[in-house]
Amino acid sequence: MSCIELLSGYLCHQFPWWKGCRMRYEPAQKTVYVYCHHPQDPENLLSAGDAIARLDIGVERFIITMPTVMDVVIECQPNQYKESQ
């Protein structure tokens, strides 16, 4: 199993809306490019952005592209915890 298959399986388990997306990993930039053909709801992505940014998986950024929606860039900041309010 390749790293991208493992990463894809993990992300689909953590974020069910991720299923059906194509992923490409660029190790030199430590960037994961994601293309979602059929986004269920862009708000799902935005609400999960904090959780995605906190992943400590050796990725510095996710660039997520969806049709008819502006690209989303999530800069990873592992081990940063959301402050309680």
N, C-alpha and C. Protein backbone atom coordinates (compact mmCIF):
# COMPACT_ATOMS: atom_id res chain seq x y z
N MET A 1 0.86 -1.17 0.00
CA MET A 1 0.00 0.00 0.00
C MET A 1 0.91 1.24 0.00
N SER A 2 0.60 2.19 -0.86
CA SER A 2 1.40 3.41 -0.95
C SER A 2 0.97 4.41 0.13
N CYS A 3 1.81 5.42 0.34
CA CYS A 3 1.50 6.46 1.32
C CYS A 3 0.21 7.19 0.97
N ILE A 4 0.00 7.48 -0.31
CA ILE A 4 -1.19 8.23 -0.70
C ILE A 4 -2.45 7.38 -0.49
N GLU A 5 -2.37 6.06 -0.69
CA GLU A 5 -3.52 5.20 -0.42
C GLU A 5 -3.84 5.18 1.06
N LEU A 6 -2.81 5.11 1.87
CA LEU A 6 -2.99 5.12 3.32
C LEU A 6 -3.58 6.45 3.77
N LEU A 7 -3.04 7.55 3.27
CA LEU A 7 -3.55 8.88 3.61
C LEU A 7 -4.99 9.05 3.16
N SER A 8 -5.28 8.59 1.96
CA SER A 8 -6.64 8.71 1.42
C SER A 8 -7.63 7.93 2.29
N GLY A 9 -7.27 6.71 2.68
CA GLY A 9 -8.14 5.91 3.53
C GLY A 9 -8.39 6.57 4.87
N TYR A 10 -7.35 7.13 5.45
CA TYR A 10 -7.48 7.82 6.74
C TYR A 10 -8.39 9.03 6.61
N LEU A 11 -8.16 9.86 5.59
CA LEU A 11 -8.97 11.06 5.41
C LEU A 11 -10.43 10.73 5.13
N CYS A 12 -10.67 9.68 4.36
CA CYS A 12 -12.06 9.28 4.08
C CYS A 12 -12.76 8.78 5.34
N HIS A 13 -11.99 8.16 6.23
CA HIS A 13 -12.58 7.70 7.49
C HIS A 13 -12.88 8.89 8.40
N GLN A 14 -11.95 9.85 8.50
CA GLN A 14 -12.13 11.00 9.38
C GLN A 14 -13.14 12.01 8.84
N PHE A 15 -13.15 12.16 7.51
CA PHE A 15 -14.00 13.16 6.85
C PHE A 15 -14.76 12.47 5.72
N PRO A 16 -15.94 11.92 5.99
CA PRO A 16 -16.67 11.13 4.99
C PRO A 16 -16.93 11.84 3.66
N TRP A 17 -17.03 13.16 3.67
CA TRP A 17 -17.29 13.90 2.44
C TRP A 17 -16.09 13.83 1.50
N TRP A 18 -14.94 13.36 1.98
CA TRP A 18 -13.72 13.29 1.19
C TRP A 18 -13.79 12.18 0.14
N LYS A 19 -14.70 11.21 0.32
CA LYS A 19 -14.81 10.07 -0.61
C LYS A 19 -15.12 10.57 -2.01
N GLY A 20 -14.50 9.95 -3.00
CA GLY A 20 -14.73 10.33 -4.38
C GLY A 20 -13.82 11.44 -4.87
N CYS A 21 -12.94 11.94 -4.00
CA CYS A 21 -12.01 12.99 -4.40
C CYS A 21 -10.72 12.36 -4.93
N ARG A 22 -10.08 13.04 -5.85
CA ARG A 22 -8.77 12.60 -6.35
C ARG A 22 -7.70 13.34 -5.58
N MET A 23 -6.66 12.61 -5.20
CA MET A 23 -5.58 13.21 -4.43
C MET A 23 -4.25 13.02 -5.14
N ARG A 24 -3.39 14.01 -4.96
CA ARG A 24 -2.03 13.93 -5.48
C ARG A 24 -1.12 14.54 -4.43
N TYR A 25 -0.04 13.85 -4.11
CA TYR A 25 0.90 14.33 -3.10
C TYR A 25 2.20 14.74 -3.76
N GLU A 26 2.66 15.94 -3.46
CA GLU A 26 3.94 16.44 -3.95
C GLU A 26 4.91 16.49 -2.77
N PRO A 27 5.78 15.47 -2.65
CA PRO A 27 6.66 15.40 -1.47
C PRO A 27 7.62 16.58 -1.35
N ALA A 28 8.12 17.12 -2.45
CA ALA A 28 9.07 18.24 -2.37
C ALA A 28 8.44 19.45 -1.69
N GLN A 29 7.15 19.71 -1.96
CA GLN A 29 6.46 20.85 -1.35
C GLN A 29 5.67 20.44 -0.10
N LYS A 30 5.62 19.14 0.17
CA LYS A 30 4.82 18.60 1.28
C LYS A 30 3.37 19.09 1.17
N THR A 31 2.85 19.01 -0.04
CA THR A 31 1.52 19.51 -0.34
C THR A 31 0.65 18.38 -0.90
N VAL A 32 -0.59 18.32 -0.42
CA VAL A 32 -1.58 17.39 -0.96
C VAL A 32 -2.57 18.21 -1.77
N TYR A 33 -2.73 17.86 -3.03
CA TYR A 33 -3.71 18.49 -3.91
C TYR A 33 -4.92 17.58 -3.96
N VAL A 34 -6.08 18.15 -3.74
CA VAL A 34 -7.32 17.37 -3.71
C VAL A 34 -8.29 17.99 -4.70
N TYR A 35 -8.85 17.16 -5.58
CA TYR A 35 -9.88 17.62 -6.49
C TYR A 35 -11.16 16.86 -6.19
N CYS A 36 -12.17 17.58 -5.75
CA CYS A 36 -13.47 16.98 -5.43
C CYS A 36 -14.40 17.20 -6.62
N HIS A 37 -14.72 16.13 -7.32
CA HIS A 37 -15.60 16.21 -8.49
C HIS A 37 -17.01 16.64 -8.09
N HIS A 38 -17.51 16.02 -7.05
CA HIS A 38 -18.90 16.24 -6.65
C HIS A 38 -18.94 16.62 -5.18
N PRO A 39 -18.60 17.86 -4.85
CA PRO A 39 -18.63 18.24 -3.44
C PRO A 39 -20.06 18.20 -2.92
N GLN A 40 -20.24 17.52 -1.78
CA GLN A 40 -21.58 17.46 -1.20
C GLN A 40 -22.00 18.82 -0.67
N ASP A 41 -21.10 19.45 0.04
CA ASP A 41 -21.43 20.73 0.66
C ASP A 41 -20.12 21.42 1.04
N PRO A 42 -19.76 22.52 0.38
CA PRO A 42 -18.50 23.19 0.71
C PRO A 42 -18.40 23.60 2.18
N GLU A 43 -19.53 23.80 2.85
CA GLU A 43 -19.49 24.17 4.25
C GLU A 43 -18.90 23.04 5.10
N ASN A 44 -19.08 21.78 4.67
CA ASN A 44 -18.45 20.66 5.39
C ASN A 44 -16.94 20.82 5.41
N LEU A 45 -16.39 21.20 4.28
CA LEU A 45 -14.95 21.40 4.19
C LEU A 45 -14.50 22.53 5.10
N LEU A 46 -15.21 23.64 5.08
CA LEU A 46 -14.82 24.79 5.88
C LEU A 46 -14.92 24.49 7.38
N SER A 47 -15.94 23.75 7.78
CA SER A 47 -16.07 23.43 9.20
C SER A 47 -15.01 22.44 9.65
N ALA A 48 -14.49 21.61 8.74
CA ALA A 48 -13.45 20.64 9.07
C ALA A 48 -12.05 21.21 8.89
N GLY A 49 -11.95 22.43 8.41
CA GLY A 49 -10.65 23.03 8.13
C GLY A 49 -9.71 23.05 9.33
N ASP A 50 -10.24 23.37 10.52
CA ASP A 50 -9.40 23.39 11.71
C ASP A 50 -8.85 22.00 12.03
N ALA A 51 -9.70 20.99 11.92
CA ALA A 51 -9.26 19.62 12.20
C ALA A 51 -8.22 19.17 11.18
N ILE A 52 -8.41 19.53 9.92
CA ILE A 52 -7.45 19.17 8.88
C ILE A 52 -6.12 19.87 9.14
N ALA A 53 -6.16 21.13 9.53
CA ALA A 53 -4.94 21.90 9.78
C ALA A 53 -4.13 21.33 10.94
N ARG A 54 -4.79 20.67 11.88
CA ARG A 54 -4.09 20.14 13.05
C ARG A 54 -3.51 18.75 12.82
N LEU A 55 -3.76 18.14 11.66
CA LEU A 55 -3.22 16.81 11.40
C LEU A 55 -1.70 16.84 11.42
N ASP A 56 -1.11 15.90 12.12
CA ASP A 56 0.35 15.80 12.21
C ASP A 56 0.79 14.60 11.37
N ILE A 57 0.77 14.79 10.05
CA ILE A 57 1.05 13.68 9.14
C ILE A 57 2.16 14.03 8.15
N GLY A 58 2.92 15.07 8.44
CA GLY A 58 4.04 15.43 7.58
C GLY A 58 3.67 16.22 6.34
N VAL A 59 2.46 16.75 6.30
CA VAL A 59 1.99 17.57 5.19
C VAL A 59 1.94 19.01 5.66
N GLU A 60 2.42 19.93 4.82
CA GLU A 60 2.39 21.34 5.20
C GLU A 60 1.14 22.07 4.75
N ARG A 61 0.55 21.60 3.64
CA ARG A 61 -0.67 22.27 3.17
C ARG A 61 -1.52 21.33 2.32
N PHE A 62 -2.80 21.59 2.36
CA PHE A 62 -3.77 20.95 1.48
C PHE A 62 -4.32 22.03 0.57
N ILE A 63 -4.36 21.75 -0.73
CA ILE A 63 -5.01 22.65 -1.68
C ILE A 63 -6.18 21.87 -2.25
N ILE A 64 -7.38 22.35 -1.95
CA ILE A 64 -8.60 21.64 -2.30
C ILE A 64 -9.35 22.43 -3.36
N THR A 65 -9.64 21.76 -4.48
CA THR A 65 -10.33 22.37 -5.61
C THR A 65 -11.68 21.70 -5.79
N MET A 66 -12.72 22.53 -5.95
CA MET A 66 -14.08 22.05 -6.21
C MET A 66 -14.66 22.87 -7.34
N PRO A 67 -15.45 22.26 -8.21
CA PRO A 67 -16.09 23.03 -9.29
C PRO A 67 -16.99 24.12 -8.70
N THR A 68 -16.98 25.25 -9.33
CA THR A 68 -17.81 26.41 -9.00
C THR A 68 -17.56 27.00 -7.62
N VAL A 69 -16.48 26.58 -6.96
CA VAL A 69 -16.14 27.12 -5.65
C VAL A 69 -14.66 27.50 -5.69
N MET A 70 -14.32 28.59 -5.04
CA MET A 70 -12.93 29.03 -5.00
C MET A 70 -12.07 27.96 -4.31
N ASP A 71 -10.83 27.80 -4.77
CA ASP A 71 -9.91 26.84 -4.16
C ASP A 71 -9.71 27.18 -2.69
N VAL A 72 -9.53 26.14 -1.89
CA VAL A 72 -9.30 26.30 -0.46
C VAL A 72 -7.89 25.82 -0.16
N VAL A 73 -7.11 26.66 0.50
CA VAL A 73 -5.76 26.29 0.92
C VAL A 73 -5.77 26.21 2.44
N ILE A 74 -5.38 25.05 2.94
CA ILE A 74 -5.31 24.85 4.39
C ILE A 74 -3.85 24.64 4.76
N GLU A 75 -3.31 25.58 5.50
CA GLU A 75 -1.94 25.48 5.99
C GLU A 75 -1.96 24.66 7.27
N CYS A 76 -1.16 23.62 7.33
CA CYS A 76 -1.16 22.73 8.49
C CYS A 76 -0.34 23.31 9.63
N GLN A 77 -0.88 23.19 10.82
CA GLN A 77 -0.22 23.61 12.05
C GLN A 77 -0.43 22.51 13.07
N PRO A 78 0.34 21.41 12.93
CA PRO A 78 0.13 20.28 13.83
C PRO A 78 0.28 20.67 15.30
N ASN A 79 -0.43 19.95 16.11
CA ASN A 79 -0.37 20.11 17.57
C ASN A 79 -0.89 21.47 18.04
N GLN A 80 -1.62 22.17 17.21
CA GLN A 80 -2.28 23.41 17.63
C GLN A 80 -3.71 23.03 18.02
N TYR A 81 -4.10 23.39 19.18
CA TYR A 81 -5.42 23.01 19.67
C TYR A 81 -6.35 24.20 19.65
N LYS A 82 -7.59 23.92 19.30
CA LYS A 82 -8.61 24.96 19.25
C LYS A 82 -8.90 25.42 20.69
N GLU A 83 -8.90 26.72 20.88
CA GLU A 83 -9.15 27.27 22.20
C GLU A 83 -10.61 27.09 22.59
N SER A 84 -10.83 26.72 23.84
CA SER A 84 -12.20 26.58 24.34
C SER A 84 -12.77 27.96 24.59
N GLN A 85 -14.06 28.09 24.34
CA GLN A 85 -14.71 29.38 24.56
C GLN A 85 -15.71 29.27 25.65
